[in-house]
Amino acid sequence: MIVHGPNLDLLGVREPGIYGRTTLAQLDARLVELGDSLGLDVTTHQANGEGAIIDLLHGARTVAGVVVNPGGYTHTSVAIHDALSALEIPVVEVHLSNLYARESFRHTSITAPACRGVIMGLGIDSYALALRHLATLVALPPSPERRRRRPATAGRARRTRRRTERTDSAAHTEPA
């Protein structure tokens, strides 16, 4: 499952010098294609609201792993951190830009400690690397070295159906 946070629906338009010219639809198509090549069914979601992101993360309990770009909530949302911490599946945080090469307020991630790792600064390749990493985890049997901090639950490596869904803070539709 891929979760894109606020303003990522403006990819390709908003500050292309920082975020690139690839649109969200193009990025999602590439991730679904990569997932197919890795034997994964990838679902992508975008939400601008904090509550909608939390709802998506709560719904992620039935998938094998999550790639999340919390956007600006990276630096401010204890609630998203807590939703990530509640997951017993691996989560990789991604960012298109290098947060440490930007404004100082972007240097701290509240959400990163709840994730297995963070990949940033590589543009859309940040997402691809995170998805490849999750694919290796799904393919391996559970062991203490590969789990996050909490014990893995049997059967968590279930794959999801492919579906692209956009959600905003006003209306959230659960994945089918």
Protein backbone atom coordinates (compact mmCIF):
# COMPACT_ATOMS: atom_id res chain seq x y z
CA MET A 1 0.00 0.00 0.00
CA ILE A 2 1.28 3.44 -0.95
CA VAL A 3 0.00 6.46 1.02
CA HIS A 4 0.74 9.90 -0.41
CA GLY A 5 0.13 12.79 1.96
CA PRO A 6 -0.93 16.41 1.51
CA ASN A 7 -0.16 18.33 -1.66
CA LEU A 8 1.22 15.28 -3.46
CA ASP A 9 -1.82 15.47 -5.72
CA LEU A 10 -0.04 18.55 -7.14
CA LEU A 11 3.07 16.63 -8.25
CA GLY A 12 4.34 17.84 -11.59
CA VAL A 13 2.85 21.29 -10.99
CA ARG A 14 3.91 22.37 -7.49
CA GLU A 15 7.56 23.42 -7.26
CA PRO A 16 8.88 21.13 -10.04
CA GLY A 17 12.42 22.24 -9.22
CA ILE A 18 12.07 20.45 -5.88
CA TYR A 19 9.54 17.69 -6.56
CA GLY A 20 10.05 17.04 -10.28
CA ARG A 21 7.69 17.06 -13.24
CA THR A 22 6.24 13.58 -12.80
CA THR A 23 2.53 13.75 -11.92
CA LEU A 24 0.94 11.68 -9.18
CA ALA A 25 -0.90 9.61 -11.80
CA GLN A 26 2.39 8.88 -13.57
CA LEU A 27 4.11 7.98 -10.29
CA ASP A 28 1.25 5.69 -9.27
CA ALA A 29 1.31 3.95 -12.66
CA ARG A 30 5.06 3.34 -12.30
CA LEU A 31 4.62 1.95 -8.80
CA VAL A 32 1.83 -0.40 -9.88
CA GLU A 33 3.99 -1.58 -12.80
CA LEU A 34 6.98 -2.08 -10.49
CA GLY A 35 4.75 -3.96 -8.05
CA ASP A 36 3.63 -6.26 -10.88
CA SER A 37 7.26 -7.00 -11.76
CA LEU A 38 7.97 -7.80 -8.10
CA GLY A 39 4.89 -10.01 -7.75
CA LEU A 40 3.00 -7.49 -5.62
CA ASP A 41 -0.40 -5.94 -6.09
CA VAL A 42 0.02 -2.28 -5.22
CA THR A 43 -2.73 0.07 -4.09
CA THR A 44 -2.10 3.80 -4.08
CA HIS A 45 -3.92 6.43 -2.06
CA GLN A 46 -3.55 10.18 -1.70
CA ALA A 47 -5.06 12.24 1.11
CA ASN A 48 -4.66 15.88 2.02
CA GLY A 49 -6.20 15.60 5.48
CA GLU A 50 -4.52 14.21 8.57
CA GLY A 51 -7.60 12.20 9.59
CA ALA A 52 -7.93 10.65 6.14
CA ILE A 53 -4.29 9.53 6.26
CA ILE A 54 -4.86 7.99 9.69
CA ASP A 55 -7.94 6.16 8.37
CA LEU A 56 -5.88 4.77 5.49
CA LEU A 57 -3.20 3.59 7.92
CA HIS A 58 -5.80 1.96 10.16
CA GLY A 59 -7.05 0.11 7.08
CA ALA A 60 -3.52 -1.07 6.27
CA ARG A 61 -3.63 -3.84 8.87
CA THR A 62 -4.52 -6.33 6.14
CA VAL A 63 -1.65 -5.52 3.74
CA ALA A 64 1.94 -6.72 3.72
CA GLY A 65 3.55 -3.31 4.12
CA VAL A 66 3.20 0.42 3.61
CA VAL A 67 5.20 3.08 1.80
CA VAL A 68 4.17 6.43 3.23
CA ASN A 69 5.00 10.01 2.34
CA PRO A 70 3.36 12.05 5.11
CA GLY A 71 4.26 15.31 3.35
CA GLY A 72 4.17 18.30 5.68
CA TYR A 73 2.67 16.13 8.44
CA THR A 74 6.10 14.50 8.72
CA HIS A 75 7.18 17.38 10.93
CA THR A 76 3.99 17.98 12.89
CA SER A 77 1.74 14.95 13.31
CA VAL A 78 1.94 12.95 16.50
CA ALA A 79 -1.37 11.36 15.46
CA ILE A 80 0.10 9.95 12.23
CA HIS A 81 3.14 8.77 14.20
CA ASP A 82 0.80 6.92 16.57
CA ALA A 83 -1.15 5.36 13.68
CA LEU A 84 2.12 4.16 12.14
CA SER A 85 3.28 2.80 15.49
CA ALA A 86 0.09 0.76 15.80
CA LEU A 87 0.89 -1.18 12.62
CA GLU A 88 2.54 -4.58 12.94
CA ILE A 89 3.70 -4.53 9.33
CA PRO A 90 6.81 -2.89 7.90
CA VAL A 91 6.47 0.77 6.94
CA VAL A 92 8.98 2.80 4.95
CA GLU A 93 8.75 6.59 4.96
CA VAL A 94 9.71 8.31 1.71
CA HIS A 95 10.31 11.85 0.57
CA LEU A 96 11.03 13.09 -2.93
CA SER A 97 13.40 15.80 -1.68
CA ASN A 98 16.27 15.66 0.78
CA LEU A 99 14.71 17.12 3.93
CA TYR A 100 18.14 18.02 5.30
CA ALA A 101 18.90 20.19 2.25
CA ARG A 102 15.78 22.27 2.86
CA GLU A 103 14.48 24.62 5.54
CA SER A 104 15.50 23.78 9.10
CA PHE A 105 11.90 23.10 10.19
CA ARG A 106 11.90 20.14 7.78
CA HIS A 107 14.93 18.50 9.41
CA THR A 108 12.89 16.73 12.08
CA SER A 109 10.56 13.86 11.28
CA ILE A 110 8.03 13.01 13.96
CA THR A 111 6.82 10.05 11.88
CA ALA A 112 10.18 8.41 11.05
CA PRO A 113 10.72 6.72 14.44
CA ALA A 114 7.53 4.70 13.82
CA CYS A 115 8.89 3.42 10.49
CA ARG A 116 11.36 0.72 9.56
CA GLY A 117 13.40 3.24 7.57
CA VAL A 118 13.38 6.46 5.60
CA ILE A 119 14.39 6.99 1.97
CA MET A 120 14.63 10.59 0.77
CA GLY A 121 16.14 12.91 -1.75
CA LEU A 122 16.03 10.56 -4.73
CA GLY A 123 12.91 11.90 -6.39
CA ILE A 124 10.46 9.23 -7.51
CA ASP A 125 13.20 6.62 -7.06
CA SER A 126 12.67 7.05 -3.30
CA TYR A 127 9.29 5.33 -3.73
CA ALA A 128 10.68 2.62 -6.02
CA LEU A 129 13.47 1.74 -3.56
CA ALA A 130 11.00 1.58 -0.69
CA LEU A 131 8.68 -0.71 -2.67
CA ARG A 132 11.60 -2.97 -3.62
CA HIS A 133 12.59 -3.17 0.05
CA LEU A 134 9.06 -4.14 1.09
CA ALA A 135 9.00 -6.80 -1.64
CA THR A 136 12.11 -8.43 -0.15
CA LEU A 137 10.51 -8.42 3.31
CA VAL A 138 7.28 -9.99 2.04
CA ALA A 139 9.24 -12.72 0.25
CA LEU A 140 11.17 -13.69 3.40
CA PRO A 141 9.81 -15.70 6.30
CA PRO A 142 9.36 -13.67 9.49
CA SER A 143 12.37 -13.38 11.78
CA PRO A 144 13.27 -11.00 14.61
CA GLU A 145 15.83 -9.21 12.41
CA ARG A 146 13.27 -8.41 9.70
CA ARG A 147 10.34 -7.42 11.89
CA ARG A 148 9.68 -3.98 13.17
CA ARG A 149 9.75 -3.52 16.92
CA ARG A 150 6.58 -5.53 17.52
CA PRO A 151 6.02 -9.26 16.97
CA ALA A 152 4.71 -10.14 13.53
CA THR A 153 1.23 -11.57 13.25
CA ALA A 154 0.84 -14.74 11.20
CA GLY A 155 -0.74 -14.13 7.84
CA ARG A 156 0.22 -10.44 7.61
CA ALA A 157 1.96 -10.96 4.27
CA ARG A 158 -1.35 -10.97 2.41
CA ARG A 159 -1.22 -9.04 -0.81
CA THR A 160 -3.72 -6.35 -1.70
CA ARG A 161 -5.75 -5.85 -4.85
CA ARG A 162 -4.58 -3.17 -7.23
CA ARG A 163 -6.57 -0.01 -6.94
CA THR A 164 -5.85 3.69 -7.09
CA GLU A 165 -7.90 5.88 -4.83
CA ARG A 166 -7.73 9.55 -3.90
CA THR A 167 -9.10 10.72 -0.61
CA ASP A 168 -9.46 14.19 0.78
CA SER A 169 -10.13 15.30 4.33
CA ALA A 170 -13.83 15.82 3.65
CA ALA A 171 -14.68 12.40 2.22
CA HIS A 172 -12.93 9.10 2.75
CA THR A 173 -13.82 5.96 0.87
CA GLU A 174 -12.54 2.67 2.22
CA PRO A 175 -10.64 0.40 -0.19
CA ALA A 176 -12.82 -2.41 -1.55
